[in-house]
Amino acid sequence: MLDEKTMVTDTLNGVNGELTKFGEMIPQTENKELKQCLKQIRNECEMSQEKIYQVAREKSYYVPAAKASAQEINHVKSVLTGIAK
């Protein structure tokens, strides 16, 4: 039997996977009407993801990673700046 934490976590992971798929499909679609429809579905999916995420946070089912330090942020910026050149 699944507990609530497992169900919430699985749902969040599933929605995140769907958002990834929309991110892959939308730029590859040439039909403007289909593209607009996919964008609308993606936006609704993002709203659902945010609600599920809030439930997971409130119940401590999901704990985000610690915030990056200024030093870590600067390191990533310097690496990405070097790649862009």
N, C-alpha and C. Protein backbone atom coordinates (compact mmCIF):
# COMPACT_ATOMS: atom_id res chain seq x y z
N MET A 1 0.84 -1.18 0.00
CA MET A 1 0.00 0.00 0.00
C MET A 1 0.89 1.25 0.00
N LEU A 2 0.56 2.19 -0.86
CA LEU A 2 1.34 3.42 -0.97
C LEU A 2 0.92 4.41 0.11
N ASP A 3 1.90 5.09 0.66
CA ASP A 3 1.58 6.14 1.62
C ASP A 3 1.47 7.48 0.89
N GLU A 4 1.01 8.48 1.61
CA GLU A 4 0.79 9.80 1.01
C GLU A 4 2.08 10.40 0.46
N LYS A 5 3.16 10.26 1.20
CA LYS A 5 4.43 10.84 0.76
C LYS A 5 4.85 10.25 -0.58
N THR A 6 4.72 8.94 -0.73
CA THR A 6 5.10 8.29 -1.98
C THR A 6 4.22 8.77 -3.13
N MET A 7 2.94 8.91 -2.88
CA MET A 7 2.02 9.35 -3.92
C MET A 7 2.31 10.79 -4.36
N VAL A 8 2.56 11.66 -3.39
CA VAL A 8 2.86 13.06 -3.72
C VAL A 8 4.18 13.15 -4.48
N THR A 9 5.18 12.44 -4.02
CA THR A 9 6.49 12.46 -4.67
C THR A 9 6.41 11.88 -6.08
N ASP A 10 5.71 10.77 -6.24
CA ASP A 10 5.56 10.17 -7.57
C ASP A 10 4.80 11.10 -8.51
N THR A 11 3.77 11.76 -8.00
CA THR A 11 3.01 12.70 -8.82
C THR A 11 3.88 13.86 -9.25
N LEU A 12 4.65 14.40 -8.33
CA LEU A 12 5.55 15.52 -8.65
C LEU A 12 6.57 15.10 -9.71
N ASN A 13 7.14 13.92 -9.56
CA ASN A 13 8.10 13.42 -10.54
C ASN A 13 7.44 13.22 -11.90
N GLY A 14 6.22 12.71 -11.92
CA GLY A 14 5.51 12.51 -13.17
C GLY A 14 5.21 13.82 -13.89
N VAL A 15 4.75 14.81 -13.14
CA VAL A 15 4.45 16.12 -13.73
C VAL A 15 5.73 16.76 -14.25
N ASN A 16 6.81 16.64 -13.51
CA ASN A 16 8.09 17.19 -13.97
C ASN A 16 8.52 16.53 -15.28
N GLY A 17 8.29 15.24 -15.40
CA GLY A 17 8.61 14.53 -16.64
C GLY A 17 7.76 15.03 -17.81
N GLU A 18 6.49 15.28 -17.54
CA GLU A 18 5.61 15.80 -18.59
C GLU A 18 6.07 17.19 -19.04
N LEU A 19 6.47 18.02 -18.10
CA LEU A 19 6.97 19.35 -18.46
C LEU A 19 8.21 19.25 -19.35
N THR A 20 9.06 18.30 -19.07
CA THR A 20 10.24 18.08 -19.91
C THR A 20 9.82 17.71 -21.32
N LYS A 21 8.83 16.83 -21.43
CA LYS A 21 8.34 16.41 -22.76
C LYS A 21 7.76 17.59 -23.53
N PHE A 22 6.98 18.43 -22.86
CA PHE A 22 6.44 19.61 -23.53
C PHE A 22 7.56 20.51 -24.03
N GLY A 23 8.61 20.65 -23.21
CA GLY A 23 9.76 21.46 -23.60
C GLY A 23 10.45 20.92 -24.85
N GLU A 24 10.36 19.61 -25.07
CA GLU A 24 10.94 19.00 -26.26
C GLU A 24 9.99 19.11 -27.46
N MET A 25 8.70 18.95 -27.22
CA MET A 25 7.73 18.93 -28.32
C MET A 25 7.47 20.31 -28.93
N ILE A 26 7.29 21.31 -28.07
CA ILE A 26 6.85 22.62 -28.55
C ILE A 26 7.78 23.21 -29.61
N PRO A 27 9.09 23.23 -29.42
CA PRO A 27 9.93 23.84 -30.45
C PRO A 27 10.00 23.03 -31.75
N GLN A 28 9.61 21.76 -31.69
CA GLN A 28 9.68 20.91 -32.88
C GLN A 28 8.38 20.93 -33.68
N THR A 29 7.36 21.61 -33.18
CA THR A 29 6.05 21.62 -33.83
C THR A 29 5.96 22.79 -34.80
N GLU A 30 5.63 22.49 -36.04
CA GLU A 30 5.50 23.54 -37.04
C GLU A 30 4.09 24.12 -37.10
N ASN A 31 3.09 23.32 -36.77
CA ASN A 31 1.70 23.76 -36.82
C ASN A 31 1.45 24.75 -35.69
N LYS A 32 1.11 25.99 -36.05
CA LYS A 32 0.95 27.05 -35.05
C LYS A 32 -0.18 26.77 -34.07
N GLU A 33 -1.28 26.20 -34.56
CA GLU A 33 -2.40 25.89 -33.68
C GLU A 33 -2.02 24.81 -32.68
N LEU A 34 -1.34 23.78 -33.15
CA LEU A 34 -0.89 22.72 -32.25
C LEU A 34 0.11 23.27 -31.25
N LYS A 35 1.02 24.12 -31.73
CA LYS A 35 2.03 24.71 -30.83
C LYS A 35 1.35 25.51 -29.72
N GLN A 36 0.34 26.30 -30.08
CA GLN A 36 -0.38 27.09 -29.08
C GLN A 36 -1.11 26.19 -28.09
N CYS A 37 -1.71 25.13 -28.60
CA CYS A 37 -2.41 24.18 -27.73
C CYS A 37 -1.43 23.52 -26.75
N LEU A 38 -0.29 23.10 -27.24
CA LEU A 38 0.73 22.49 -26.37
C LEU A 38 1.22 23.47 -25.32
N LYS A 39 1.38 24.73 -25.70
CA LYS A 39 1.81 25.75 -24.73
C LYS A 39 0.77 25.93 -23.64
N GLN A 40 -0.50 25.93 -24.01
CA GLN A 40 -1.58 26.07 -23.03
C GLN A 40 -1.59 24.89 -22.07
N ILE A 41 -1.45 23.68 -22.61
CA ILE A 41 -1.42 22.49 -21.75
C ILE A 41 -0.21 22.54 -20.84
N ARG A 42 0.94 22.96 -21.40
CA ARG A 42 2.15 23.08 -20.58
C ARG A 42 1.95 24.07 -19.43
N ASN A 43 1.32 25.21 -19.72
CA ASN A 43 1.08 26.22 -18.69
C ASN A 43 0.19 25.66 -17.58
N GLU A 44 -0.84 24.92 -17.96
CA GLU A 44 -1.72 24.29 -16.96
C GLU A 44 -0.95 23.25 -16.14
N CYS A 45 -0.08 22.52 -16.82
CA CYS A 45 0.76 21.53 -16.14
C CYS A 45 1.70 22.21 -15.16
N GLU A 46 2.25 23.36 -15.53
CA GLU A 46 3.14 24.10 -14.63
C GLU A 46 2.39 24.58 -13.39
N MET A 47 1.14 25.01 -13.57
CA MET A 47 0.35 25.44 -12.41
C MET A 47 0.09 24.26 -11.48
N SER A 48 -0.20 23.10 -12.05
CA SER A 48 -0.40 21.90 -11.23
C SER A 48 0.88 21.52 -10.51
N GLN A 49 2.00 21.61 -11.22
CA GLN A 49 3.28 21.27 -10.62
C GLN A 49 3.56 22.16 -9.42
N GLU A 50 3.26 23.45 -9.54
CA GLU A 50 3.49 24.38 -8.44
C GLU A 50 2.63 24.03 -7.22
N LYS A 51 1.38 23.65 -7.45
CA LYS A 51 0.49 23.26 -6.35
C LYS A 51 0.99 22.00 -5.66
N ILE A 52 1.39 21.02 -6.45
CA ILE A 52 1.91 19.77 -5.88
C ILE A 52 3.20 20.04 -5.13
N TYR A 53 4.06 20.87 -5.69
CA TYR A 53 5.32 21.24 -5.04
C TYR A 53 5.05 21.88 -3.68
N GLN A 54 4.07 22.78 -3.63
CA GLN A 54 3.75 23.45 -2.36
C GLN A 54 3.27 22.45 -1.31
N VAL A 55 2.45 21.49 -1.73
CA VAL A 55 1.99 20.44 -0.80
C VAL A 55 3.19 19.65 -0.30
N ALA A 56 4.07 19.27 -1.22
CA ALA A 56 5.25 18.49 -0.83
C ALA A 56 6.14 19.27 0.14
N ARG A 57 6.31 20.57 -0.09
CA ARG A 57 7.11 21.40 0.81
C ARG A 57 6.45 21.54 2.18
N GLU A 58 5.13 21.81 2.19
CA GLU A 58 4.41 22.00 3.44
C GLU A 58 4.48 20.75 4.32
N LYS A 59 4.44 19.60 3.71
CA LYS A 59 4.44 18.34 4.47
C LYS A 59 5.86 17.78 4.65
N SER A 60 6.86 18.54 4.20
CA SER A 60 8.27 18.14 4.28
C SER A 60 8.54 16.84 3.52
N TYR A 61 7.76 16.60 2.46
CA TYR A 61 8.02 15.46 1.59
C TYR A 61 9.13 15.78 0.61
N TYR A 62 9.33 17.05 0.38
CA TYR A 62 10.38 17.51 -0.54
C TYR A 62 11.14 18.62 0.16
N VAL A 63 12.43 18.45 0.23
CA VAL A 63 13.30 19.48 0.81
C VAL A 63 14.29 19.89 -0.27
N PRO A 64 14.21 21.14 -0.72
CA PRO A 64 15.12 21.57 -1.79
C PRO A 64 16.57 21.62 -1.30
N ALA A 65 17.45 21.58 -2.25
CA ALA A 65 18.88 21.67 -1.92
C ALA A 65 19.17 23.03 -1.29
N ALA A 66 20.25 23.09 -0.55
CA ALA A 66 20.66 24.34 0.07
C ALA A 66 20.98 25.36 -1.02
N LYS A 67 20.79 26.63 -0.70
CA LYS A 67 21.09 27.69 -1.66
C LYS A 67 22.59 27.75 -1.90
N ALA A 68 22.94 28.05 -3.13
CA ALA A 68 24.34 28.16 -3.51
C ALA A 68 24.95 29.40 -2.86
N SER A 69 26.21 29.28 -2.50
CA SER A 69 26.93 30.43 -1.95
C SER A 69 27.31 31.38 -3.08
N ALA A 70 27.67 32.59 -2.72
CA ALA A 70 28.11 33.57 -3.71
C ALA A 70 29.33 33.05 -4.47
N GLN A 71 30.21 32.37 -3.77
CA GLN A 71 31.41 31.81 -4.41
C GLN A 71 31.02 30.76 -5.45
N GLU A 72 30.07 29.90 -5.12
CA GLU A 72 29.62 28.87 -6.07
C GLU A 72 28.96 29.51 -7.30
N ILE A 73 28.16 30.53 -7.06
CA ILE A 73 27.48 31.22 -8.16
C ILE A 73 28.51 31.87 -9.08
N ASN A 74 29.48 32.54 -8.49
CA ASN A 74 30.52 33.19 -9.29
C ASN A 74 31.34 32.18 -10.09
N HIS A 75 31.59 31.02 -9.50
CA HIS A 75 32.34 29.98 -10.20
C HIS A 75 31.57 29.51 -11.44
N VAL A 76 30.28 29.25 -11.28
CA VAL A 76 29.45 28.81 -12.41
C VAL A 76 29.39 29.90 -13.49
N LYS A 77 29.23 31.14 -13.06
CA LYS A 77 29.22 32.25 -14.03
C LYS A 77 30.52 32.29 -14.82
N SER A 78 31.64 32.13 -14.15
CA SER A 78 32.93 32.20 -14.84
C SER A 78 33.09 31.03 -15.81
N VAL A 79 32.62 29.86 -15.42
CA VAL A 79 32.70 28.69 -16.32
C VAL A 79 31.83 28.93 -17.54
N LEU A 80 30.60 29.40 -17.35
CA LEU A 80 29.69 29.62 -18.46
C LEU A 80 30.16 30.77 -19.36
N THR A 81 30.76 31.80 -18.76
CA THR A 81 31.29 32.89 -19.55
C THR A 81 32.43 32.39 -20.43
N GLY A 82 33.25 31.50 -19.88
CA GLY A 82 34.35 30.94 -20.65
C GLY A 82 33.87 30.09 -21.81
N ILE A 83 32.76 29.40 -21.65
CA ILE A 83 32.19 28.56 -22.71
C ILE A 83 31.62 29.44 -23.82
N ALA A 84 31.01 30.54 -23.43
CA ALA A 84 30.33 31.43 -24.38
C ALA A 84 31.31 32.17 -25.29
N LYS A 85 32.56 32.27 -24.88
CA LYS A 85 33.54 33.04 -25.67
C LYS A 85 34.05 32.27 -26.85
